[in-house]
Amino acid sequence: MLLNALLIRFLSPSFWLRLAGVLCFAGLGGCSDNWGWYVVNPATESGRQNLFFLIDGLYFTIGLSVTAILISICVGLLVALPGISSRRAPKVINRVYVELVRAIPILVLILWVYYGLPQVASISISVFWAGVLALAISDSAFQAEIFRAGIQSIDRGQYEAARSISLSYRDTMRFVILPQAIKRILPALGNQLVYMLKMSSLVSVIGMQELTRRANELVVTEYRPLEIYTVLVLEYLVVILIVSAGVRWLERRLETS
């Protein structure tokens, strides 16, 4: 169903009009002597190799982003629960975590996790998991605020109704509050996934072979940054448009369920 919805979305006339505009822009640019599209020309062997080299980085970008977002959602939910407590101590813990993590630039966090964590904790960590850990920690603070706002938006009568049928706090959150809250925060969660896809490009600084890293390496060998980075922009554009369409489709499904 999701695949069919995405196909309908991207085979619509409006999609082809936008694509035609991009291709016209690229074609006009290609007429200039400043452009050298031969480096990514699918009609030549070297161009195909360069395109495949760039596209192969998509696997690492998606894997990195999806793994990090799943971890950050779990951690964010755990951090959000103390924030809705009526006691002061759990609220302080929530606030300290959120403010500290949000204050650290994500690039600095990536570098610290990869280079600093092995020295501090005496553990060996791969480039992939260093990127996942740094992205997940950074995003968990934002996820915590999203979940806190979503849970607090649920009417207090829902809690009272759950208590009237003797549901525990755990079951109340699991069966009553969270299903309603997730429907409300789904657009924000989708935005965070898009944000994660874009921020995954920063993991290239520690050698992760994702889209941006591969584009940088190809620029060093081909010396055509304008054309290669244009392809990189189009790659991110297509991926993010697909993700956005998928989130909107899921929103409509939840509204009708």
C-alpha atoms as a PDB file:
ATOM      1  CA  MET A   1       0.000   0.000   0.000  1.00  0.00           C
ATOM      2  CA  LEU A   2       2.773   2.421   0.899  1.00  0.00           C
ATOM      3  CA  LEU A   3       4.643   1.624  -2.304  1.00  0.00           C
ATOM      4  CA  ASN A   4       1.511   2.170  -4.379  1.00  0.00           C
ATOM      5  CA  ALA A   5       0.841   5.497  -2.670  1.00  0.00           C
ATOM      6  CA  LEU A   6       4.395   6.674  -3.309  1.00  0.00           C
ATOM      7  CA  LEU A   7       4.212   5.623  -6.957  1.00  0.00           C
ATOM      8  CA  ILE A   8       0.964   7.536  -7.412  1.00  0.00           C
ATOM      9  CA  ARG A   9       2.521  10.548  -5.740  1.00  0.00           C
ATOM     10  CA  PHE A  10       5.652  10.636  -7.868  1.00  0.00           C
ATOM     11  CA  LEU A  11       3.969   9.744 -11.145  1.00  0.00           C
ATOM     12  CA  SER A  12       1.506  12.601 -10.814  1.00  0.00           C
ATOM     13  CA  PRO A  13       1.571  15.489 -13.344  1.00  0.00           C
ATOM     14  CA  SER A  14       2.750  17.954 -10.705  1.00  0.00           C
ATOM     15  CA  PHE A  15       5.785  15.781  -9.984  1.00  0.00           C
ATOM     16  CA  TRP A  16       6.749  15.620 -13.637  1.00  0.00           C
ATOM     17  CA  LEU A  17       6.332  19.367 -14.006  1.00  0.00           C
ATOM     18  CA  ARG A  18       8.741  19.940 -11.118  1.00  0.00           C
ATOM     19  CA  LEU A  19      11.156  17.385 -12.545  1.00  0.00           C
ATOM     20  CA  ALA A  20      10.971  19.040 -15.972  1.00  0.00           C
ATOM     21  CA  GLY A  21      11.846  22.358 -14.367  1.00  0.00           C
ATOM     22  CA  VAL A  22      14.917  20.869 -12.723  1.00  0.00           C
ATOM     23  CA  LEU A  23      16.021  19.200 -15.951  1.00  0.00           C
ATOM     24  CA  CYS A  24      15.517  22.413 -17.925  1.00  0.00           C
ATOM     25  CA  PHE A  25      17.645  24.267 -15.405  1.00  0.00           C
ATOM     26  CA  ALA A  26      20.326  21.600 -15.647  1.00  0.00           C
ATOM     27  CA  GLY A  27      20.130  21.647 -19.435  1.00  0.00           C
ATOM     28  CA  LEU A  28      20.547  25.388 -19.581  1.00  0.00           C
ATOM     29  CA  GLY A  29      23.504  25.147 -17.269  1.00  0.00           C
ATOM     30  CA  GLY A  30      24.971  22.387 -19.403  1.00  0.00           C
ATOM     31  CA  CYS A  31      25.157  24.747 -22.349  1.00  0.00           C
ATOM     32  CA  SER A  32      27.685  26.821 -20.464  1.00  0.00           C
ATOM     33  CA  ASP A  33      31.398  26.178 -20.765  1.00  0.00           C
ATOM     34  CA  ASN A  34      31.591  26.223 -16.970  1.00  0.00           C
ATOM     35  CA  TRP A  35      29.748  22.894 -16.711  1.00  0.00           C
ATOM     36  CA  GLY A  36      31.259  19.490 -17.366  1.00  0.00           C
ATOM     37  CA  TRP A  37      28.420  17.008 -17.157  1.00  0.00           C
ATOM     38  CA  TYR A  38      30.577  14.278 -18.686  1.00  0.00           C
ATOM     39  CA  VAL A  39      31.644  13.260 -15.171  1.00  0.00           C
ATOM     40  CA  VAL A  40      28.087  12.094 -14.403  1.00  0.00           C
ATOM     41  CA  ASN A  41      26.901  11.329 -17.932  1.00  0.00           C
ATOM     42  CA  PRO A  42      25.110   7.943 -17.882  1.00  0.00           C
ATOM     43  CA  ALA A  43      25.853   7.512 -21.603  1.00  0.00           C
ATOM     44  CA  THR A  44      29.570   6.986 -20.886  1.00  0.00           C
ATOM     45  CA  GLU A  45      31.240   4.228 -18.913  1.00  0.00           C
ATOM     46  CA  SER A  46      33.078   6.613 -16.584  1.00  0.00           C
ATOM     47  CA  GLY A  47      29.915   8.649 -16.021  1.00  0.00           C
ATOM     48  CA  ARG A  48      27.945   5.528 -15.068  1.00  0.00           C
ATOM     49  CA  GLN A  49      30.678   4.444 -12.683  1.00  0.00           C
ATOM     50  CA  ASN A  50      30.658   7.855 -11.013  1.00  0.00           C
ATOM     51  CA  LEU A  51      26.865   7.823 -10.693  1.00  0.00           C
ATOM     52  CA  PHE A  52      26.864   4.317  -9.212  1.00  0.00           C
ATOM     53  CA  PHE A  53      29.614   5.363  -6.819  1.00  0.00           C
ATOM     54  CA  LEU A  54      27.487   8.294  -5.624  1.00  0.00           C
ATOM     55  CA  ILE A  55      24.238   6.325  -5.403  1.00  0.00           C
ATOM     56  CA  ASP A  56      25.878   3.515  -3.409  1.00  0.00           C
ATOM     57  CA  GLY A  57      26.273   5.956  -0.538  1.00  0.00           C
ATOM     58  CA  LEU A  58      22.483   6.063  -0.240  1.00  0.00           C
ATOM     59  CA  TYR A  59      22.513   2.706   1.566  1.00  0.00           C
ATOM     60  CA  PHE A  60      24.684   4.090   4.362  1.00  0.00           C
ATOM     61  CA  THR A  61      22.762   7.365   4.586  1.00  0.00           C
ATOM     62  CA  ILE A  62      19.401   5.631   4.993  1.00  0.00           C
ATOM     63  CA  GLY A  63      20.758   2.947   7.322  1.00  0.00           C
ATOM     64  CA  LEU A  64      22.472   5.515   9.515  1.00  0.00           C
ATOM     65  CA  SER A  65      19.455   7.826   9.672  1.00  0.00           C
ATOM     66  CA  VAL A  66      16.809   5.164  10.290  1.00  0.00           C
ATOM     67  CA  THR A  67      18.845   3.420  13.006  1.00  0.00           C
ATOM     68  CA  ALA A  68      19.571   6.723  14.744  1.00  0.00           C
ATOM     69  CA  ILE A  69      15.946   7.923  14.592  1.00  0.00           C
ATOM     70  CA  LEU A  70      14.627   4.651  16.060  1.00  0.00           C
ATOM     71  CA  ILE A  71      17.073   4.857  18.968  1.00  0.00           C
ATOM     72  CA  SER A  72      16.370   8.554  19.529  1.00  0.00           C
ATOM     73  CA  ILE A  73      12.598   7.923  19.626  1.00  0.00           C
ATOM     74  CA  CYS A  74      13.023   5.275  22.334  1.00  0.00           C
ATOM     75  CA  VAL A  75      15.415   7.412  24.376  1.00  0.00           C
ATOM     76  CA  GLY A  76      13.310  10.529  23.834  1.00  0.00           C
ATOM     77  CA  LEU A  77      10.187   8.800  25.145  1.00  0.00           C
ATOM     78  CA  LEU A  78      12.047   7.637  28.253  1.00  0.00           C
ATOM     79  CA  VAL A  79      13.363  11.151  28.829  1.00  0.00           C
ATOM     80  CA  ALA A  80       9.934  12.705  28.212  1.00  0.00           C
ATOM     81  CA  LEU A  81       8.133  10.691  30.911  1.00  0.00           C
ATOM     82  CA  PRO A  82       9.943  12.372  33.849  1.00  0.00           C
ATOM     83  CA  GLY A  83       9.078  15.711  32.260  1.00  0.00           C
ATOM     84  CA  ILE A  84       5.348  15.117  32.752  1.00  0.00           C
ATOM     85  CA  SER A  85       5.732  14.001  36.356  1.00  0.00           C
ATOM     86  CA  SER A  86       4.095  16.015  39.119  1.00  0.00           C
ATOM     87  CA  ARG A  87       7.260  15.768  41.227  1.00  0.00           C
ATOM     88  CA  ARG A  88      10.065  18.290  40.967  1.00  0.00           C
ATOM     89  CA  ALA A  89      13.087  15.928  40.863  1.00  0.00           C
ATOM     90  CA  PRO A  90      12.071  14.027  37.679  1.00  0.00           C
ATOM     91  CA  LYS A  91      11.244  17.321  35.966  1.00  0.00           C
ATOM     92  CA  VAL A  92      14.698  18.663  36.829  1.00  0.00           C
ATOM     93  CA  ILE A  93      16.327  15.533  35.377  1.00  0.00           C
ATOM     94  CA  ASN A  94      14.331  15.940  32.174  1.00  0.00           C
ATOM     95  CA  ARG A  95      15.151  19.630  31.851  1.00  0.00           C
ATOM     96  CA  VAL A  96      18.882  19.200  32.543  1.00  0.00           C
ATOM     97  CA  TYR A  97      19.203  16.425  29.946  1.00  0.00           C
ATOM     98  CA  VAL A  98      17.274  18.307  27.276  1.00  0.00           C
ATOM     99  CA  GLU A  99      19.091  21.605  27.761  1.00  0.00           C
ATOM    100  CA  LEU A 100      22.567  20.060  27.916  1.00  0.00           C
ATOM    101  CA  VAL A 101      22.145  17.886  24.825  1.00  0.00           C
ATOM    102  CA  ARG A 102      20.520  20.643  22.775  1.00  0.00           C
ATOM    103  CA  ALA A 103      23.385  23.000  23.633  1.00  0.00           C
ATOM    104  CA  ILE A 104      26.031  20.746  22.034  1.00  0.00           C
ATOM    105  CA  PRO A 105      26.525  21.245  18.268  1.00  0.00           C
ATOM    106  CA  ILE A 106      25.926  17.966  16.498  1.00  0.00           C
ATOM    107  CA  LEU A 107      29.242  18.111  14.606  1.00  0.00           C
ATOM    108  CA  VAL A 108      31.138  18.531  17.884  1.00  0.00           C
ATOM    109  CA  LEU A 109      29.201  15.597  19.366  1.00  0.00           C
ATOM    110  CA  ILE A 110      30.079  13.381  16.395  1.00  0.00           C
ATOM    111  CA  LEU A 111      33.784  14.192  16.755  1.00  0.00           C
ATOM    112  CA  TRP A 112      33.722  13.661  20.532  1.00  0.00           C
ATOM    113  CA  VAL A 113      31.946  10.301  20.305  1.00  0.00           C
ATOM    114  CA  TYR A 114      34.304   8.990  17.632  1.00  0.00           C
ATOM    115  CA  TYR A 115      37.604  10.307  18.994  1.00  0.00           C
ATOM    116  CA  GLY A 116      36.881  10.893  22.671  1.00  0.00           C
ATOM    117  CA  LEU A 117      34.650   8.020  23.734  1.00  0.00           C
ATOM    118  CA  PRO A 118      37.249   5.278  23.030  1.00  0.00           C
ATOM    119  CA  GLN A 119      39.711   7.090  25.308  1.00  0.00           C
ATOM    120  CA  VAL A 120      37.201   7.829  28.059  1.00  0.00           C
ATOM    121  CA  ALA A 121      35.487   4.418  28.094  1.00  0.00           C
ATOM    122  CA  SER A 122      38.312   2.319  26.601  1.00  0.00           C
ATOM    123  CA  ILE A 123      36.021   0.834  23.947  1.00  0.00           C
ATOM    124  CA  SER A 124      36.438   0.467  20.210  1.00  0.00           C
ATOM    125  CA  ILE A 125      33.612   1.941  18.150  1.00  0.00           C
ATOM    126  CA  SER A 126      33.120   1.801  14.382  1.00  0.00           C
ATOM    127  CA  VAL A 127      32.429   4.823  12.219  1.00  0.00           C
ATOM    128  CA  PHE A 128      28.838   3.699  11.639  1.00  0.00           C
ATOM    129  CA  TRP A 129      27.964   3.245  15.308  1.00  0.00           C
ATOM    130  CA  ALA A 130      29.778   6.423  16.304  1.00  0.00           C
ATOM    131  CA  GLY A 131      27.578   8.301  13.847  1.00  0.00           C
ATOM    132  CA  VAL A 132      24.436   6.509  15.025  1.00  0.00           C
ATOM    133  CA  LEU A 133      25.206   7.179  18.683  1.00  0.00           C
ATOM    134  CA  ALA A 134      25.982  10.856  18.154  1.00  0.00           C
ATOM    135  CA  LEU A 135      22.917  11.475  15.978  1.00  0.00           C
ATOM    136  CA  ALA A 136      20.643   9.534  18.336  1.00  0.00           C
ATOM    137  CA  ILE A 137      21.855  11.399  21.434  1.00  0.00           C
ATOM    138  CA  SER A 138      21.485  14.768  19.735  1.00  0.00           C
ATOM    139  CA  ASP A 139      18.013  14.009  18.382  1.00  0.00           C
ATOM    140  CA  SER A 140      16.744  12.376  21.602  1.00  0.00           C
ATOM    141  CA  ALA A 141      16.498  15.779  23.302  1.00  0.00           C
ATOM    142  CA  PHE A 142      14.225  17.055  20.537  1.00  0.00           C
ATOM    143  CA  GLN A 143      12.225  13.830  20.578  1.00  0.00           C
ATOM    144  CA  ALA A 144      11.755  14.195  24.334  1.00  0.00           C
ATOM    145  CA  GLU A 145      10.218  17.635  23.891  1.00  0.00           C
ATOM    146  CA  ILE A 146       7.984  16.381  21.068  1.00  0.00           C
ATOM    147  CA  PHE A 147       6.701  13.480  23.174  1.00  0.00           C
ATOM    148  CA  ARG A 148       6.247  15.667  26.244  1.00  0.00           C
ATOM    149  CA  ALA A 149       4.175  18.190  24.318  1.00  0.00           C
ATOM    150  CA  GLY A 150       2.146  15.435  22.655  1.00  0.00           C
ATOM    151  CA  ILE A 151       1.382  13.641  25.919  1.00  0.00           C
ATOM    152  CA  GLN A 152       0.482  16.850  27.716  1.00  0.00           C
ATOM    153  CA  SER A 153      -1.917  17.766  24.908  1.00  0.00           C
ATOM    154  CA  ILE A 154      -4.136  14.788  25.776  1.00  0.00           C
ATOM    155  CA  ASP A 155      -7.136  15.774  27.858  1.00  0.00           C
ATOM    156  CA  ARG A 156      -6.953  14.915  31.569  1.00  0.00           C
ATOM    157  CA  GLY A 157     -10.282  13.159  31.222  1.00  0.00           C
ATOM    158  CA  GLN A 158      -8.483  10.349  29.384  1.00  0.00           C
ATOM    159  CA  TYR A 159      -6.375   9.663  32.474  1.00  0.00           C
ATOM    160  CA  GLU A 160      -9.430   9.738  34.713  1.00  0.00           C
ATOM    161  CA  ALA A 161     -11.298   7.363  32.404  1.00  0.00           C
ATOM    162  CA  ALA A 162      -8.350   4.951  32.472  1.00  0.00           C
ATOM    163  CA  ARG A 163      -8.216   5.056  36.273  1.00  0.00           C
ATOM    164  CA  SER A 164     -11.967   4.421  36.455  1.00  0.00           C
ATOM    165  CA  ILE A 165     -11.456   1.024  34.792  1.00  0.00           C
ATOM    166  CA  SER A 166      -8.444   0.236  37.036  1.00  0.00           C
ATOM    167  CA  LEU A 167      -5.718   0.579  34.421  1.00  0.00           C
ATOM    168  CA  SER A 168      -2.200   0.924  35.752  1.00  0.00           C
ATOM    169  CA  TYR A 169      -0.013   3.894  34.794  1.00  0.00           C
ATOM    170  CA  ARG A 170       1.911   1.693  32.371  1.00  0.00           C
ATOM    171  CA  ASP A 171      -1.233   0.393  30.661  1.00  0.00           C
ATOM    172  CA  THR A 172      -2.758   3.873  30.603  1.00  0.00           C
ATOM    173  CA  MET A 173       0.253   5.223  28.724  1.00  0.00           C
ATOM    174  CA  ARG A 174       0.469   2.180  26.461  1.00  0.00           C
ATOM    175  CA  PHE A 175      -3.165   1.739  25.458  1.00  0.00           C
ATOM    176  CA  VAL A 176      -4.772   5.148  26.003  1.00  0.00           C
ATOM    177  CA  ILE A 177      -2.388   8.097  25.996  1.00  0.00           C
ATOM    178  CA  LEU A 178       0.476   7.201  23.622  1.00  0.00           C
ATOM    179  CA  PRO A 179      -1.717   6.029  20.699  1.00  0.00           C
ATOM    180  CA  GLN A 180      -3.501   9.389  20.739  1.00  0.00           C
ATOM    181  CA  ALA A 181      -0.297  11.364  21.279  1.00  0.00           C
ATOM    182  CA  ILE A 182       1.525   9.653  18.394  1.00  0.00           C
ATOM    183  CA  LYS A 183      -1.221  10.683  15.985  1.00  0.00           C
ATOM    184  CA  ARG A 184      -0.723  14.288  17.025  1.00  0.00           C
ATOM    185  CA  ILE A 185       3.072  14.300  16.939  1.00  0.00           C
ATOM    186  CA  LEU A 186       3.517  12.271  13.748  1.00  0.00           C
ATOM    187  CA  PRO A 187       4.210  15.387  11.604  1.00  0.00           C
ATOM    188  CA  ALA A 188       6.901  16.461  14.074  1.00  0.00           C
ATOM    189  CA  LEU A 189       8.420  12.960  14.044  1.00  0.00           C
ATOM    190  CA  GLY A 190       8.459  13.080  10.244  1.00  0.00           C
ATOM    191  CA  ASN A 191      10.243  16.419  10.361  1.00  0.00           C
ATOM    192  CA  GLN A 192      12.856  14.924  12.663  1.00  0.00           C
ATOM    193  CA  LEU A 193      13.444  12.052  10.239  1.00  0.00           C
ATOM    194  CA  VAL A 194      14.015  14.571   7.443  1.00  0.00           C
ATOM    195  CA  TYR A 195      16.320  16.511   9.768  1.00  0.00           C
ATOM    196  CA  MET A 196      18.201  13.299  10.551  1.00  0.00           C
ATOM    197  CA  LEU A 197      18.670  12.499   6.863  1.00  0.00           C
ATOM    198  CA  LYS A 198      20.228  15.913   6.324  1.00  0.00           C
ATOM    199  CA  MET A 199      22.367  15.867   9.473  1.00  0.00           C
ATOM    200  CA  SER A 200      23.750  12.433   8.541  1.00  0.00           C
ATOM    201  CA  SER A 201      25.923  14.295   6.020  1.00  0.00           C
ATOM    202  CA  LEU A 202      28.012  15.558   8.947  1.00  0.00           C
ATOM    203  CA  VAL A 203      29.157  12.012   9.716  1.00  0.00           C
ATOM    204  CA  SER A 204      31.283  12.275   6.574  1.00  0.00           C
ATOM    205  CA  VAL A 205      33.899  14.117   8.670  1.00  0.00           C
ATOM    206  CA  ILE A 206      34.838  10.857  10.422  1.00  0.00           C
ATOM    207  CA  GLY A 207      34.975   8.835   7.190  1.00  0.00           C
ATOM    208  CA  MET A 208      31.462   7.413   6.903  1.00  0.00           C
ATOM    209  CA  GLN A 209      30.918   6.384   3.272  1.00  0.00           C
ATOM    210  CA  GLU A 210      27.521   8.034   2.910  1.00  0.00           C
ATOM    211  CA  LEU A 211      26.323  10.359   0.147  1.00  0.00           C
ATOM    212  CA  THR A 212      28.306  13.445   1.105  1.00  0.00           C
ATOM    213  CA  ARG A 213      31.553  11.581   1.766  1.00  0.00           C
ATOM    214  CA  ARG A 214      31.381   9.852  -1.593  1.00  0.00           C
ATOM    215  CA  ALA A 215      30.675  13.151  -3.346  1.00  0.00           C
ATOM    216  CA  ASN A 216      33.701  14.717  -1.628  1.00  0.00           C
ATOM    217  CA  GLU A 217      35.929  11.821  -2.687  1.00  0.00           C
ATOM    218  CA  LEU A 218      34.700  12.030  -6.270  1.00  0.00           C
ATOM    219  CA  VAL A 219      35.377  15.772  -6.366  1.00  0.00           C
ATOM    220  CA  VAL A 220      38.996  15.115  -5.345  1.00  0.00           C
ATOM    221  CA  THR A 221      39.498  12.709  -8.280  1.00  0.00           C
ATOM    222  CA  GLU A 222      37.405  14.447 -10.969  1.00  0.00           C
ATOM    223  CA  TYR A 223      37.885  18.129 -10.040  1.00  0.00           C
ATOM    224  CA  ARG A 224      34.271  18.924 -11.024  1.00  0.00           C
ATOM    225  CA  PRO A 225      32.648  20.052  -7.756  1.00  0.00           C
ATOM    226  CA  LEU A 226      29.752  21.950  -9.355  1.00  0.00           C
ATOM    227  CA  GLU A 227      28.374  18.978 -11.278  1.00  0.00           C
ATOM    228  CA  ILE A 228      29.001  16.405  -8.546  1.00  0.00           C
ATOM    229  CA  TYR A 229      27.467  18.479  -5.775  1.00  0.00           C
ATOM    230  CA  THR A 230      24.490  19.199  -8.038  1.00  0.00           C
ATOM    231  CA  VAL A 231      23.893  15.453  -8.271  1.00  0.00           C
ATOM    232  CA  LEU A 232      24.305  15.263  -4.503  1.00  0.00           C
ATOM    233  CA  VAL A 233      21.614  17.928  -4.034  1.00  0.00           C
ATOM    234  CA  LEU A 234      19.257  16.003  -6.321  1.00  0.00           C
ATOM    235  CA  GLU A 235      19.905  12.779  -4.389  1.00  0.00           C
ATOM    236  CA  TYR A 236      18.951  14.379  -1.080  1.00  0.00           C
ATOM    237  CA  LEU A 237      15.983  16.089  -2.743  1.00  0.00           C
ATOM    238  CA  VAL A 238      14.550  12.818  -4.066  1.00  0.00           C
ATOM    239  CA  VAL A 239      15.073  10.951  -0.786  1.00  0.00           C
ATOM    240  CA  ILE A 240      13.501  13.684   1.327  1.00  0.00           C
ATOM    241  CA  LEU A 241      10.541  14.078  -1.043  1.00  0.00           C
ATOM    242  CA  ILE A 242       9.885  10.331  -0.802  1.00  0.00           C
ATOM    243  CA  VAL A 243      10.139  10.390   2.999  1.00  0.00           C
ATOM    244  CA  SER A 244       7.828  13.413   3.215  1.00  0.00           C
ATOM    245  CA  ALA A 245       5.266  11.726   0.956  1.00  0.00           C
ATOM    246  CA  GLY A 246       5.461   8.581   3.087  1.00  0.00           C
ATOM    247  CA  VAL A 247       4.856  10.543   6.286  1.00  0.00           C
ATOM    248  CA  ARG A 248       1.851  12.324   4.786  1.00  0.00           C
ATOM    249  CA  TRP A 249       0.445   8.994   3.593  1.00  0.00           C
ATOM    250  CA  LEU A 250       0.840   7.556   7.094  1.00  0.00           C
ATOM    251  CA  GLU A 251      -0.881  10.623   8.572  1.00  0.00           C
ATOM    252  CA  ARG A 252      -3.901  10.071   6.327  1.00  0.00           C
ATOM    253  CA  ARG A 253      -3.991   6.389   7.249  1.00  0.00           C
ATOM    254  CA  LEU A 254      -3.985   7.174  10.966  1.00  0.00           C
ATOM    255  CA  GLU A 255      -6.694   9.812  10.560  1.00  0.00           C
ATOM    256  CA  THR A 256      -9.031   7.301   8.928  1.00  0.00           C
ATOM    257  CA  SER A 257      -8.230   4.458  11.341  1.00  0.00           C
END
